[in-house]
């Protein structure tokens, strides 16, 4: 294997990095590369009835269970309230420090055109960090990396101000069951909060079989990976894809070099 690569994924909530990069992480880690997930909030508003402090603790445990399945270097959860994340100076410094400490080759986040304010704030924070991470006198207590990371976005379906561009695609058909297992760890979200917010008020995870749980995840969440396969490969053979767009910020690769960077 060539020199191990390092991938750092910022999602706004515990479970976002799993959806964004779970399949890619599984493949890369199995080939000896390093992956770290970061949730920029503790997810303490993502429920219809649990007390916020208890929910934050529960969601942290869910991230650690997912991390164990994937073999992540770390699944870090920042102690910011869900729904209250701001692109503040304090949060910007925290993001810069995380990037410097992990020394990634690639940093992945949401795009700034997104429905959720925490997603947008996370995207803005990572964009703001993309230049400052290489400024020696900014957060001087942590040395700058030897090389400037490449920055990238995960797929979304939003069209304004411009649609997502699939610069790189990772086929995840061969790890889809493991990705489902990672998502399954986030019980509070995928079987409680998200069914409730989708209008399934009587959804009860204790009354459905494992096969029914799997089908629920496939139809409601892995459908996103099926859509990406349709949009960016459309071979008729590939069923599930995770797609990424190179940011204009950070170290620039040719489109060809970027497109193969995620290969194991």
Protein backbone atom coordinates (compact mmCIF):
# COMPACT_ATOMS: atom_id res chain seq x y z
CA UNK A 1 0.00 0.00 0.00
CA UNK A 2 1.12 3.59 -0.66
CA UNK A 3 1.59 6.09 2.18
CA UNK A 4 -1.55 6.07 4.36
CA UNK A 5 -3.87 9.00 3.74
CA UNK A 6 -5.74 10.91 6.44
CA UNK A 7 -9.37 11.99 6.13
CA UNK A 8 -11.13 14.39 8.52
CA UNK A 9 -14.92 14.70 8.29
CA UNK A 10 -16.89 17.51 9.94
CA UNK A 11 -20.62 16.99 10.31
CA UNK A 12 -22.98 19.22 12.25
CA UNK A 13 -24.59 16.48 14.36
CA UNK A 14 -23.73 13.03 15.68
CA UNK A 15 -24.71 10.72 12.76
CA UNK A 16 -24.06 13.29 9.99
CA UNK A 17 -20.50 12.04 9.32
CA UNK A 18 -21.84 8.45 9.11
CA UNK A 19 -24.27 9.46 6.38
CA UNK A 20 -21.70 11.64 4.62
CA UNK A 21 -18.68 9.35 4.64
CA UNK A 22 -19.53 6.06 6.34
CA UNK A 23 -19.01 3.81 3.34
CA UNK A 24 -15.85 5.59 2.24
CA UNK A 25 -14.49 5.41 5.78
CA UNK A 26 -15.05 1.67 5.96
CA UNK A 27 -13.21 1.07 2.69
CA UNK A 28 -10.34 3.43 3.44
CA UNK A 29 -9.77 2.15 6.97
CA UNK A 30 -9.79 -1.45 5.76
CA UNK A 31 -6.96 -0.48 3.40
CA UNK A 32 -4.85 1.10 6.15
CA UNK A 33 -5.83 4.76 5.88
CA UNK A 34 -6.86 6.99 8.80
CA UNK A 35 -10.29 8.58 9.27
CA UNK A 36 -11.60 10.85 11.99
CA UNK A 37 -15.19 12.06 12.39
CA UNK A 38 -16.13 15.30 14.18
CA UNK A 39 -19.63 16.42 15.14
CA UNK A 40 -19.63 20.16 15.71
CA UNK A 41 -22.66 19.98 18.04
CA UNK A 42 -23.65 17.48 20.71
CA UNK A 43 -27.06 16.83 19.13
CA UNK A 44 -29.01 17.66 22.29
CA UNK A 45 -32.09 19.00 20.46
CA UNK A 46 -32.61 15.99 18.19
CA UNK A 47 -35.54 14.37 19.97
CA UNK A 48 -39.20 15.00 20.78
CA UNK A 49 -39.17 14.08 24.48
CA UNK A 50 -35.75 13.30 26.00
CA UNK A 51 -34.10 15.83 28.35
CA UNK A 52 -31.30 17.59 26.49
CA UNK A 53 -28.45 16.56 28.80
CA UNK A 54 -29.49 12.90 28.70
CA UNK A 55 -29.87 13.04 24.93
CA UNK A 56 -26.39 14.51 24.45
CA UNK A 57 -24.90 11.70 26.56
CA UNK A 58 -26.89 9.09 24.66
CA UNK A 59 -25.87 10.45 21.28
CA UNK A 60 -22.22 10.46 22.32
CA UNK A 61 -22.47 6.76 23.16
CA UNK A 62 -24.06 6.15 19.77
CA UNK A 63 -21.12 7.80 18.02
CA UNK A 64 -18.64 5.62 19.91
CA UNK A 65 -20.52 2.46 18.93
CA UNK A 66 -20.42 3.55 15.28
CA UNK A 67 -16.73 4.43 15.56
CA UNK A 68 -15.96 0.93 16.81
CA UNK A 69 -17.67 -0.67 13.80
CA UNK A 70 -15.80 1.52 11.34
CA UNK A 71 -12.46 1.49 13.13
CA UNK A 72 -12.24 5.28 13.23
CA UNK A 73 -9.24 6.97 14.79
CA UNK A 74 -11.75 9.03 16.75
CA UNK A 75 -15.35 10.22 16.69
CA UNK A 76 -15.11 13.58 18.42
CA UNK A 77 -18.24 15.43 19.58
CA UNK A 78 -17.92 19.13 20.38
CA UNK A 79 -19.97 20.50 23.26
CA UNK A 80 -22.07 23.00 21.32
CA UNK A 81 -25.85 22.96 21.66
CA UNK A 82 -27.81 21.52 18.75
CA UNK A 83 -29.49 24.32 16.79
CA UNK A 84 -27.25 26.99 18.33
CA UNK A 85 -23.99 26.61 16.42
CA UNK A 86 -22.46 29.88 15.26
CA UNK A 87 -19.55 30.65 12.96
CA UNK A 88 -17.87 32.45 15.85
CA UNK A 89 -14.22 33.27 16.40
CA UNK A 90 -14.06 30.77 19.26
CA UNK A 91 -15.51 27.96 17.14
CA UNK A 92 -13.24 28.88 14.23
CA UNK A 93 -10.17 28.48 16.43
CA UNK A 94 -11.47 25.11 17.66
CA UNK A 95 -11.84 23.87 14.08
CA UNK A 96 -8.37 25.10 13.12
CA UNK A 97 -6.85 23.32 16.11
CA UNK A 98 -8.61 20.03 15.26
CA UNK A 99 -7.34 20.19 11.69
CA UNK A 100 -3.78 20.95 12.76
CA UNK A 101 -3.73 18.21 15.37
CA UNK A 102 -5.02 15.51 13.00
CA UNK A 103 -2.94 16.66 9.98
CA UNK A 104 -5.41 15.46 7.34
CA UNK A 105 -4.81 15.16 3.62
CA UNK A 106 -8.49 15.88 2.99
CA UNK A 107 -11.10 17.75 5.07
CA UNK A 108 -14.77 17.12 4.23
CA UNK A 109 -17.80 19.08 5.37
CA UNK A 110 -21.26 20.24 4.38
CA UNK A 111 -21.78 22.95 1.76
CA UNK A 112 -22.96 26.38 2.92
CA UNK A 113 -26.19 26.13 0.90
CA UNK A 114 -28.10 23.77 3.17
CA UNK A 115 -31.46 23.70 4.92
CA UNK A 116 -30.10 23.37 8.46
CA UNK A 117 -28.43 26.33 10.23
CA UNK A 118 -25.98 24.00 12.00
CA UNK A 119 -24.95 22.50 8.65
CA UNK A 120 -24.42 25.99 7.22
CA UNK A 121 -22.44 27.13 10.28
CA UNK A 122 -20.26 24.01 10.13
CA UNK A 123 -19.59 24.61 6.46
CA UNK A 124 -18.72 28.25 7.12
CA UNK A 125 -16.41 27.35 9.99
CA UNK A 126 -14.51 24.82 7.89
CA UNK A 127 -14.26 27.25 4.98
CA UNK A 128 -12.97 29.97 7.31
CA UNK A 129 -10.41 27.54 8.73
CA UNK A 130 -9.18 26.45 5.31
CA UNK A 131 -6.82 29.42 4.94
CA UNK A 132 -6.09 30.14 8.60
CA UNK A 133 -4.92 26.59 9.23
CA UNK A 134 -1.70 27.54 7.39
CA UNK A 135 -1.15 30.91 9.15
CA UNK A 136 1.60 30.35 11.77
CA UNK A 137 0.63 33.27 14.04
CA UNK A 138 -3.03 32.22 14.19
CA UNK A 139 -3.38 29.82 17.15
CA UNK A 140 0.42 29.75 17.36
CA UNK A 141 0.44 27.18 20.16
CA UNK A 142 -0.19 24.45 17.56
CA UNK A 143 2.23 24.30 14.59
CA UNK A 144 0.82 24.56 11.08
CA UNK A 145 0.73 21.34 9.00
CA UNK A 146 3.60 20.47 6.69
CA UNK A 147 1.17 20.55 3.76
CA UNK A 148 -2.08 22.36 3.09
CA UNK A 149 -5.06 20.00 3.19
CA UNK A 150 -7.46 19.65 0.30
CA UNK A 151 -11.00 20.62 1.26
CA UNK A 152 -14.13 18.98 -0.10
CA UNK A 153 -17.90 18.82 0.30
CA UNK A 154 -20.19 15.85 0.65
CA UNK A 155 -23.21 15.42 -1.57
CA UNK A 156 -26.48 17.29 -1.15
CA UNK A 157 -29.49 17.83 -3.41
CA UNK A 158 -29.78 21.63 -3.11
CA UNK A 159 -29.76 23.62 -6.34
CA UNK A 160 -29.36 27.24 -5.21
CA UNK A 161 -27.02 29.00 -5.74
CA UNK A 162 -25.63 26.07 -7.70
CA UNK A 163 -26.04 22.29 -7.73
CA UNK A 164 -23.49 19.91 -6.27
CA UNK A 165 -20.71 18.79 -8.62
CA UNK A 166 -19.63 15.15 -8.34
CA UNK A 167 -15.86 15.43 -8.73
CA UNK A 168 -15.16 12.10 -7.01
CA UNK A 169 -17.33 9.04 -6.50
CA UNK A 170 -16.76 6.13 -4.15
CA UNK A 171 -18.71 2.95 -4.86
CA UNK A 172 -19.89 1.56 -1.53
CA UNK A 173 -21.93 -1.48 -2.65
CA UNK A 174 -19.42 -3.82 -1.01
CA UNK A 175 -19.68 -2.13 2.40
CA UNK A 176 -23.34 -1.13 2.44
CA UNK A 177 -24.22 -3.64 5.18
CA UNK A 178 -21.49 -2.23 7.44
CA UNK A 179 -22.67 1.31 6.73
CA UNK A 180 -26.17 0.22 7.70
CA UNK A 181 -24.71 -1.14 10.94
CA UNK A 182 -23.06 2.20 11.65
CA UNK A 183 -26.30 4.08 11.07
CA UNK A 184 -28.18 1.52 13.15
CA UNK A 185 -26.07 2.57 16.16
CA UNK A 186 -27.84 5.94 16.16
CA UNK A 187 -31.08 4.57 17.56
CA UNK A 188 -32.24 7.88 19.01
CA UNK A 189 -32.17 9.41 15.55
CA UNK A 190 -33.07 6.86 12.92
CA UNK A 191 -35.75 5.02 14.90
CA UNK A 192 -37.09 7.77 17.17
CA UNK A 193 -36.49 11.42 16.24
CA UNK A 194 -36.35 11.21 12.44
CA UNK A 195 -39.46 9.00 12.05
CA UNK A 196 -41.29 11.41 14.39
CA UNK A 197 -40.26 14.51 12.45
CA UNK A 198 -41.21 12.76 9.19
CA UNK A 199 -44.72 12.29 10.55
CA UNK A 200 -44.53 8.64 11.64
CA UNK A 201 -45.71 9.40 15.17
CA UNK A 202 -46.53 5.76 15.95
CA UNK A 203 -43.21 4.34 14.72
CA UNK A 204 -41.92 1.94 17.40
CA UNK A 205 -38.53 0.34 16.89
CA UNK A 206 -39.30 -2.29 19.53
CA UNK A 207 -42.12 -3.65 17.38
CA UNK A 208 -40.29 -4.12 14.10
CA UNK A 209 -37.92 -6.88 13.00
CA UNK A 210 -34.28 -6.48 12.05
CA UNK A 211 -35.22 -6.91 8.40
CA UNK A 212 -37.84 -4.16 8.73
CA UNK A 213 -35.28 -1.86 10.36
CA UNK A 214 -32.87 -2.51 7.49
CA UNK A 215 -35.56 -1.79 4.92
CA UNK A 216 -36.49 1.44 6.73
CA UNK A 217 -32.89 2.64 6.56
CA UNK A 218 -32.54 1.66 2.91
CA UNK A 219 -35.73 3.40 1.84
CA UNK A 220 -35.30 6.57 3.88
CA UNK A 221 -31.55 7.17 4.12
CA UNK A 222 -29.48 4.92 1.89
CA UNK A 223 -31.74 6.10 -0.92
CA UNK A 224 -29.41 9.13 -0.96
CA UNK A 225 -26.52 6.89 -1.96
CA UNK A 226 -28.69 5.26 -4.61
CA UNK A 227 -29.49 8.73 -5.98
CA UNK A 228 -25.79 9.59 -6.16
CA UNK A 229 -25.11 6.38 -8.08
CA UNK A 230 -27.83 7.35 -10.54
CA UNK A 231 -26.53 10.91 -10.95
CA UNK A 232 -22.79 10.35 -11.21
CA UNK A 233 -22.22 6.81 -12.48
CA UNK A 234 -25.46 5.43 -13.91
CA UNK A 235 -23.81 2.20 -15.02
CA UNK A 236 -26.75 0.00 -14.15
CA UNK A 237 -24.42 -2.12 -12.02
CA UNK A 238 -23.45 0.24 -9.19
CA UNK A 239 -26.20 0.69 -6.62
CA UNK A 240 -24.68 2.94 -3.95
CA UNK A 241 -22.21 5.83 -4.15
CA UNK A 242 -20.79 8.55 -1.92
CA UNK A 243 -19.88 11.61 -4.01
CA UNK A 244 -17.60 14.54 -3.20
CA UNK A 245 -16.90 17.97 -4.65
CA UNK A 246 -13.51 19.64 -4.38
CA UNK A 247 -13.62 23.05 -2.70
CA UNK A 248 -11.96 26.08 -4.23
CA UNK A 249 -10.32 26.62 -0.84
CA UNK A 250 -7.23 24.78 0.33
CA UNK A 251 -4.71 22.75 -1.67
CA UNK A 252 -5.95 22.29 -5.21
CA UNK A 253 -5.69 19.01 -7.06
CA UNK A 254 -6.45 18.38 -10.69
CA UNK A 255 -9.91 16.92 -11.17
CA UNK A 256 -8.30 13.63 -12.19
CA UNK A 257 -6.08 13.59 -9.09
CA UNK A 258 -8.99 14.50 -6.83
CA UNK A 259 -11.25 11.86 -8.39
CA UNK A 260 -8.83 9.06 -7.54
CA UNK A 261 -7.72 10.38 -4.14
CA UNK A 262 -10.52 8.48 -2.39
CA UNK A 263 -9.53 5.18 -3.96
CA UNK A 264 -8.13 2.68 -1.50
